[in-house]
Amino acid sequence: MTENDKTYRLHIDGNLFRRQRGLLMRLGALVHGKQAYKPKPGDEALLEGLLNLTDAIADEAHDQHGIDCLLDG
């Protein structure tokens, strides 16, 4: 590791993350096939969890590494 490497210390529920990733893969396949999205029970909670995960990554990037991920393009 070099001085510029960034280390993140997130606590991730493996089973939940697996289900969230599955939802993203399903959404990606629908977009690729230009198909309509039909939500399944629980999708809203999984998406909310993914938004929380990206917020946690951005918060840690800012707090620990001085990177403002939410504003930098």
PDB file of N, CA and C in Angstrom:
ATOM      1  N   MET A   1       0.832  -1.189   0.000  1.00  0.00           N
ATOM      2  CA  MET A   1       0.000   0.000   0.000  1.00  0.00           C
ATOM      3  C   MET A   1       0.872   1.247   0.000  1.00  0.00           C
ATOM      4  N   THR A   2       0.403   2.223  -0.720  1.00  0.00           N
ATOM      5  CA  THR A   2       1.124   3.483  -0.743  1.00  0.00           C
ATOM      6  C   THR A   2       0.413   4.484   0.160  1.00  0.00           C
ATOM      7  N   GLU A   3       1.036   5.606   0.323  1.00  0.00           N
ATOM      8  CA  GLU A   3       0.473   6.661   1.159  1.00  0.00           C
ATOM      9  C   GLU A   3      -0.864   7.159   0.623  1.00  0.00           C
ATOM     10  N   ASN A   4      -1.064   7.072  -0.705  1.00  0.00           N
ATOM     11  CA  ASN A   4      -2.291   7.568  -1.333  1.00  0.00           C
ATOM     12  C   ASN A   4      -3.448   6.567  -1.274  1.00  0.00           C
ATOM     13  N   ASP A   5      -3.195   5.322  -0.872  1.00  0.00           N
ATOM     14  CA  ASP A   5      -4.263   4.324  -0.786  1.00  0.00           C
ATOM     15  C   ASP A   5      -5.241   4.715   0.317  1.00  0.00           C
ATOM     16  N   LYS A   6      -6.509   4.489   0.051  1.00  0.00           N
ATOM     17  CA  LYS A   6      -7.563   4.822   1.002  1.00  0.00           C
ATOM     18  C   LYS A   6      -8.162   3.524   1.540  1.00  0.00           C
ATOM     19  N   THR A   7      -8.344   3.421   2.825  1.00  0.00           N
ATOM     20  CA  THR A   7      -8.931   2.257   3.459  1.00  0.00           C
ATOM     21  C   THR A   7     -10.294   2.638   4.012  1.00  0.00           C
ATOM     22  N   TYR A   8     -11.291   1.820   3.689  1.00  0.00           N
ATOM     23  CA  TYR A   8     -12.641   2.046   4.185  1.00  0.00           C
ATOM     24  C   TYR A   8     -12.977   0.963   5.195  1.00  0.00           C
ATOM     25  N   ARG A   9     -13.695   1.327   6.248  1.00  0.00           N
ATOM     26  CA  ARG A   9     -14.066   0.394   7.311  1.00  0.00           C
ATOM     27  C   ARG A   9     -15.582   0.395   7.468  1.00  0.00           C
ATOM     28  N   LEU A  10     -16.242  -0.192   6.497  1.00  0.00           N
ATOM     29  CA  LEU A  10     -17.699  -0.249   6.535  1.00  0.00           C
ATOM     30  C   LEU A  10     -18.143  -1.579   7.128  1.00  0.00           C
ATOM     31  N   HIS A  11     -19.259  -1.560   7.815  1.00  0.00           N
ATOM     32  CA  HIS A  11     -19.851  -2.782   8.351  1.00  0.00           C
ATOM     33  C   HIS A  11     -20.985  -3.176   7.407  1.00  0.00           C
ATOM     34  N   ILE A  12     -20.816  -4.303   6.707  1.00  0.00           N
ATOM     35  CA  ILE A  12     -21.773  -4.732   5.693  1.00  0.00           C
ATOM     36  C   ILE A  12     -22.352  -6.084   6.075  1.00  0.00           C
ATOM     37  N   ASP A  13     -23.666  -6.180   6.051  1.00  0.00           N
ATOM     38  CA  ASP A  13     -24.379  -7.434   6.261  1.00  0.00           C
ATOM     39  C   ASP A  13     -24.294  -8.217   4.944  1.00  0.00           C
ATOM     40  N   GLY A  14     -23.555  -9.300   4.938  1.00  0.00           N
ATOM     41  CA  GLY A  14     -23.302 -10.046   3.713  1.00  0.00           C
ATOM     42  C   GLY A  14     -24.560 -10.538   3.017  1.00  0.00           C
ATOM     43  N   ASN A  15     -25.513 -11.091   3.773  1.00  0.00           N
ATOM     44  CA  ASN A  15     -26.741 -11.602   3.176  1.00  0.00           C
ATOM     45  C   ASN A  15     -27.563 -10.467   2.569  1.00  0.00           C
ATOM     46  N   LEU A  16     -27.689  -9.372   3.304  1.00  0.00           N
ATOM     47  CA  LEU A  16     -28.432  -8.217   2.793  1.00  0.00           C
ATOM     48  C   LEU A  16     -27.756  -7.659   1.552  1.00  0.00           C
ATOM     49  N   PHE A  17     -26.437  -7.530   1.581  1.00  0.00           N
ATOM     50  CA  PHE A  17     -25.711  -6.987   0.433  1.00  0.00           C
ATOM     51  C   PHE A  17     -25.870  -7.892  -0.787  1.00  0.00           C
ATOM     52  N   ARG A  18     -25.876  -9.186  -0.578  1.00  0.00           N
ATOM     53  CA  ARG A  18     -26.075 -10.149  -1.673  1.00  0.00           C
ATOM     54  C   ARG A  18     -27.440  -9.907  -2.326  1.00  0.00           C
ATOM     55  N   ARG A  19     -28.481  -9.703  -1.514  1.00  0.00           N
ATOM     56  CA  ARG A  19     -29.821  -9.452  -2.050  1.00  0.00           C
ATOM     57  C   ARG A  19     -29.889  -8.098  -2.762  1.00  0.00           C
ATOM     58  N   GLN A  20     -29.208  -7.101  -2.216  1.00  0.00           N
ATOM     59  CA  GLN A  20     -29.174  -5.788  -2.856  1.00  0.00           C
ATOM     60  C   GLN A  20     -28.472  -5.867  -4.206  1.00  0.00           C
ATOM     61  N   ARG A  21     -27.378  -6.586  -4.243  1.00  0.00           N
ATOM     62  CA  ARG A  21     -26.634  -6.742  -5.499  1.00  0.00           C
ATOM     63  C   ARG A  21     -27.489  -7.480  -6.520  1.00  0.00           C
ATOM     64  N   GLY A  22     -28.236  -8.482  -6.060  1.00  0.00           N
ATOM     65  CA  GLY A  22     -29.134  -9.206  -6.959  1.00  0.00           C
ATOM     66  C   GLY A  22     -30.175  -8.279  -7.568  1.00  0.00           C
ATOM     67  N   LEU A  23     -30.707  -7.367  -6.761  1.00  0.00           N
ATOM     68  CA  LEU A  23     -31.665  -6.394  -7.269  1.00  0.00           C
ATOM     69  C   LEU A  23     -31.008  -5.495  -8.311  1.00  0.00           C
ATOM     70  N   LEU A  24     -29.808  -5.030  -8.035  1.00  0.00           N
ATOM     71  CA  LEU A  24     -29.114  -4.179  -9.014  1.00  0.00           C
ATOM     72  C   LEU A  24     -28.852  -4.925 -10.314  1.00  0.00           C
ATOM     73  N   MET A  25     -28.492  -6.192 -10.205  1.00  0.00           N
ATOM     74  CA  MET A  25     -28.251  -6.988 -11.410  1.00  0.00           C
ATOM     75  C   MET A  25     -29.552  -7.157 -12.207  1.00  0.00           C
ATOM     76  N   ARG A  26     -30.659  -7.379 -11.494  1.00  0.00           N
ATOM     77  CA  ARG A  26     -31.967  -7.515 -12.157  1.00  0.00           C
ATOM     78  C   ARG A  26     -32.349  -6.204 -12.837  1.00  0.00           C
ATOM     79  N   LEU A  27     -32.150  -5.080 -12.148  1.00  0.00           N
ATOM     80  CA  LEU A  27     -32.458  -3.782 -12.742  1.00  0.00           C
ATOM     81  C   LEU A  27     -31.585  -3.513 -13.969  1.00  0.00           C
ATOM     82  N   GLY A  28     -30.305  -3.856 -13.851  1.00  0.00           N
ATOM     83  CA  GLY A  28     -29.400  -3.670 -14.982  1.00  0.00           C
ATOM     84  C   GLY A  28     -29.825  -4.482 -16.195  1.00  0.00           C
ATOM     85  N   ALA A  29     -30.249  -5.719 -15.973  1.00  0.00           N
ATOM     86  CA  ALA A  29     -30.703  -6.567 -17.072  1.00  0.00           C
ATOM     87  C   ALA A  29     -31.966  -5.994 -17.713  1.00  0.00           C
ATOM     88  N   LEU A  30     -32.872  -5.454 -16.889  1.00  0.00           N
ATOM     89  CA  LEU A  30     -34.088  -4.845 -17.420  1.00  0.00           C
ATOM     90  C   LEU A  30     -33.767  -3.625 -18.280  1.00  0.00           C
ATOM     91  N   VAL A  31     -32.857  -2.792 -17.799  1.00  0.00           N
ATOM     92  CA  VAL A  31     -32.465  -1.603 -18.560  1.00  0.00           C
ATOM     93  C   VAL A  31     -31.806  -2.018 -19.872  1.00  0.00           C
ATOM     94  N   HIS A  32     -30.924  -2.994 -19.777  1.00  0.00           N
ATOM     95  CA  HIS A  32     -30.221  -3.467 -20.979  1.00  0.00           C
ATOM     96  C   HIS A  32     -31.214  -4.017 -22.009  1.00  0.00           C
ATOM     97  N   GLY A  33     -32.223  -4.716 -21.543  1.00  0.00           N
ATOM     98  CA  GLY A  33     -33.227  -5.280 -22.440  1.00  0.00           C
ATOM     99  C   GLY A  33     -34.385  -4.346 -22.725  1.00  0.00           C
ATOM    100  N   LYS A  34     -34.292  -3.111 -22.223  1.00  0.00           N
ATOM    101  CA  LYS A  34     -35.330  -2.097 -22.403  1.00  0.00           C
ATOM    102  C   LYS A  34     -36.699  -2.621 -21.975  1.00  0.00           C
ATOM    103  N   GLN A  35     -36.696  -3.266 -20.812  1.00  0.00           N
ATOM    104  CA  GLN A  35     -37.927  -3.818 -20.258  1.00  0.00           C
ATOM    105  C   GLN A  35     -38.382  -2.972 -19.079  1.00  0.00           C
ATOM    106  N   ALA A  36     -39.681  -3.012 -18.822  1.00  0.00           N
ATOM    107  CA  ALA A  36     -40.251  -2.256 -17.705  1.00  0.00           C
ATOM    108  C   ALA A  36     -39.887  -2.921 -16.384  1.00  0.00           C
ATOM    109  N   TYR A  37     -39.708  -2.098 -15.383  1.00  0.00           N
ATOM    110  CA  TYR A  37     -39.419  -2.587 -14.031  1.00  0.00           C
ATOM    111  C   TYR A  37     -40.727  -2.831 -13.303  1.00  0.00           C
ATOM    112  N   LYS A  38     -40.884  -4.029 -12.774  1.00  0.00           N
ATOM    113  CA  LYS A  38     -42.054  -4.385 -11.971  1.00  0.00           C
ATOM    114  C   LYS A  38     -41.543  -4.726 -10.578  1.00  0.00           C
ATOM    115  N   PRO A  39     -41.717  -3.808  -9.636  1.00  0.00           N
ATOM    116  CA  PRO A  39     -41.170  -4.029  -8.286  1.00  0.00           C
ATOM    117  C   PRO A  39     -41.692  -5.314  -7.650  1.00  0.00           C
ATOM    118  N   LYS A  40     -40.813  -5.966  -6.930  1.00  0.00           N
ATOM    119  CA  LYS A  40     -41.159  -7.127  -6.126  1.00  0.00           C
ATOM    120  C   LYS A  40     -41.241  -6.683  -4.666  1.00  0.00           C
ATOM    121  N   PRO A  41     -41.968  -7.437  -3.847  1.00  0.00           N
ATOM    122  CA  PRO A  41     -42.010  -7.091  -2.420  1.00  0.00           C
ATOM    123  C   PRO A  41     -40.589  -7.026  -1.846  1.00  0.00           C
ATOM    124  N   GLY A  42     -40.308  -5.974  -1.133  1.00  0.00           N
ATOM    125  CA  GLY A  42     -39.000  -5.813  -0.502  1.00  0.00           C
ATOM    126  C   GLY A  42     -38.010  -5.000  -1.307  1.00  0.00           C
ATOM    127  N   ASP A  43     -38.296  -4.747  -2.592  1.00  0.00           N
ATOM    128  CA  ASP A  43     -37.354  -3.981  -3.424  1.00  0.00           C
ATOM    129  C   ASP A  43     -37.110  -2.588  -2.873  1.00  0.00           C
ATOM    130  N   GLU A  44     -38.157  -1.943  -2.374  1.00  0.00           N
ATOM    131  CA  GLU A  44     -38.011  -0.578  -1.866  1.00  0.00           C
ATOM    132  C   GLU A  44     -37.014  -0.537  -0.701  1.00  0.00           C
ATOM    133  N   ALA A  45     -37.118  -1.507   0.205  1.00  0.00           N
ATOM    134  CA  ALA A  45     -36.197  -1.555   1.345  1.00  0.00           C
ATOM    135  C   ALA A  45     -34.770  -1.831   0.885  1.00  0.00           C
ATOM    136  N   LEU A  46     -34.614  -2.704  -0.117  1.00  0.00           N
ATOM    137  CA  LEU A  46     -33.280  -2.992  -0.632  1.00  0.00           C
ATOM    138  C   LEU A  46     -32.661  -1.758  -1.275  1.00  0.00           C
ATOM    139  N   LEU A  47     -33.456  -1.019  -2.040  1.00  0.00           N
ATOM    140  CA  LEU A  47     -32.945   0.210  -2.663  1.00  0.00           C
ATOM    141  C   LEU A  47     -32.599   1.261  -1.617  1.00  0.00           C
ATOM    142  N   GLU A  48     -33.439   1.375  -0.589  1.00  0.00           N
ATOM    143  CA  GLU A  48     -33.154   2.319   0.497  1.00  0.00           C
ATOM    144  C   GLU A  48     -31.829   1.958   1.171  1.00  0.00           C
ATOM    145  N   GLY A  49     -31.603   0.665   1.371  1.00  0.00           N
ATOM    146  CA  GLY A  49     -30.342   0.208   1.959  1.00  0.00           C
ATOM    147  C   GLY A  49     -29.151   0.545   1.083  1.00  0.00           C
ATOM    148  N   LEU A  50     -29.314   0.436  -0.227  1.00  0.00           N
ATOM    149  CA  LEU A  50     -28.215   0.791  -1.132  1.00  0.00           C
ATOM    150  C   LEU A  50     -27.930   2.287  -1.092  1.00  0.00           C
ATOM    151  N   LEU A  51     -28.980   3.092  -0.994  1.00  0.00           N
ATOM    152  CA  LEU A  51     -28.763   4.533  -0.843  1.00  0.00           C
ATOM    153  C   LEU A  51     -28.027   4.831   0.454  1.00  0.00           C
ATOM    154  N   ASN A  52     -28.406   4.153   1.525  1.00  0.00           N
ATOM    155  CA  ASN A  52     -27.712   4.334   2.801  1.00  0.00           C
ATOM    156  C   ASN A  52     -26.252   3.903   2.702  1.00  0.00           C
ATOM    157  N   LEU A  53     -25.991   2.820   1.966  1.00  0.00           N
ATOM    158  CA  LEU A  53     -24.612   2.358   1.778  1.00  0.00           C
ATOM    159  C   LEU A  53     -23.786   3.400   1.027  1.00  0.00           C
ATOM    160  N   THR A  54     -24.344   3.967  -0.044  1.00  0.00           N
ATOM    161  CA  THR A  54     -23.580   4.980  -0.783  1.00  0.00           C
ATOM    162  C   THR A  54     -23.357   6.224   0.077  1.00  0.00           C
ATOM    163  N   ASP A  55     -24.341   6.568   0.921  1.00  0.00           N
ATOM    164  CA  ASP A  55     -24.150   7.694   1.847  1.00  0.00           C
ATOM    165  C   ASP A  55     -23.039   7.392   2.848  1.00  0.00           C
ATOM    166  N   ALA A  56     -23.002   6.153   3.346  1.00  0.00           N
ATOM    167  CA  ALA A  56     -21.958   5.768   4.308  1.00  0.00           C
ATOM    168  C   ALA A  56     -20.580   5.829   3.662  1.00  0.00           C
ATOM    169  N   ILE A  57     -20.490   5.392   2.412  1.00  0.00           N
ATOM    170  CA  ILE A  57     -19.209   5.462   1.689  1.00  0.00           C
ATOM    171  C   ILE A  57     -18.794   6.919   1.513  1.00  0.00           C
ATOM    172  N   ALA A  58     -19.739   7.755   1.109  1.00  0.00           N
ATOM    173  CA  ALA A  58     -19.428   9.176   0.915  1.00  0.00           C
ATOM    174  C   ALA A  58     -19.050   9.843   2.233  1.00  0.00           C
ATOM    175  N   ASP A  59     -19.760   9.517   3.307  1.00  0.00           N
ATOM    176  CA  ASP A  59     -19.436  10.087   4.617  1.00  0.00           C
ATOM    177  C   ASP A  59     -18.028   9.698   5.052  1.00  0.00           C
ATOM    178  N   GLU A  60     -17.692   8.429   4.887  1.00  0.00           N
ATOM    179  CA  GLU A  60     -16.361   7.983   5.295  1.00  0.00           C
ATOM    180  C   GLU A  60     -15.283   8.595   4.407  1.00  0.00           C
ATOM    181  N   ALA A  61     -15.573   8.710   3.111  1.00  0.00           N
ATOM    182  CA  ALA A  61     -14.610   9.344   2.207  1.00  0.00           C
ATOM    183  C   ALA A  61     -14.322  10.771   2.651  1.00  0.00           C
ATOM    184  N   HIS A  62     -15.370  11.468   3.057  1.00  0.00           N
ATOM    185  CA  HIS A  62     -15.191  12.846   3.509  1.00  0.00           C
ATOM    186  C   HIS A  62     -14.496  12.908   4.862  1.00  0.00           C
ATOM    187  N   ASP A  63     -15.013  12.139   5.828  1.00  0.00           N
ATOM    188  CA  ASP A  63     -14.500  12.215   7.198  1.00  0.00           C
ATOM    189  C   ASP A  63     -13.084  11.675   7.340  1.00  0.00           C
ATOM    190  N   GLN A  64     -12.774  10.584   6.661  1.00  0.00           N
ATOM    191  CA  GLN A  64     -11.483   9.929   6.834  1.00  0.00           C
ATOM    192  C   GLN A  64     -10.443  10.340   5.794  1.00  0.00           C
ATOM    193  N   HIS A  65     -10.914  10.760   4.605  1.00  0.00           N
ATOM    194  CA  HIS A  65      -9.970  10.998   3.514  1.00  0.00           C
ATOM    195  C   HIS A  65     -10.073  12.382   2.887  1.00  0.00           C
ATOM    196  N   GLY A  66     -11.003  13.200   3.376  1.00  0.00           N
ATOM    197  CA  GLY A  66     -11.133  14.560   2.842  1.00  0.00           C
ATOM    198  C   GLY A  66     -11.664  14.622   1.425  1.00  0.00           C
ATOM    199  N   ILE A  67     -12.346  13.580   0.980  1.00  0.00           N
ATOM    200  CA  ILE A  67     -12.882  13.536  -0.384  1.00  0.00           C
ATOM    201  C   ILE A  67     -14.376  13.842  -0.321  1.00  0.00           C
ATOM    202  N   ASP A  68     -14.819  14.825  -1.082  1.00  0.00           N
ATOM    203  CA  ASP A  68     -16.237  15.166  -1.099  1.00  0.00           C
ATOM    204  C   ASP A  68     -16.876  14.490  -2.302  1.00  0.00           C
ATOM    205  N   CYS A  69     -17.241  13.217  -2.149  1.00  0.00           N
ATOM    206  CA  CYS A  69     -17.787  12.406  -3.235  1.00  0.00           C
ATOM    207  C   CYS A  69     -19.165  12.890  -3.694  1.00  0.00           C
ATOM    208  N   LEU A  70     -19.905  13.503  -2.809  1.00  0.00           N
ATOM    209  CA  LEU A  70     -21.255  13.901  -3.168  1.00  0.00           C
ATOM    210  C   LEU A  70     -21.267  15.129  -4.063  1.00  0.00           C
ATOM    211  N   LEU A  71     -20.203  15.907  -4.048  1.00  0.00           N
ATOM    212  CA  LEU A  71     -20.173  17.119  -4.842  1.00  0.00           C
ATOM    213  C   LEU A  71     -19.192  17.049  -6.006  1.00  0.00           C
ATOM    214  N   ASP A  72     -18.119  16.268  -5.856  1.00  0.00           N
ATOM    215  CA  ASP A  72     -17.140  16.159  -6.949  1.00  0.00           C
ATOM    216  C   ASP A  72     -17.735  15.342  -8.084  1.00  0.00           C
ATOM    217  N   GLY A  73     -17.480  15.792  -9.318  1.00  0.00           N
ATOM    218  CA  GLY A  73     -18.060  15.081 -10.474  1.00  0.00           C
ATOM    219  C   GLY A  73     -17.101  14.235 -11.190  1.00  0.00           C
TER     220      GLY A  73
END
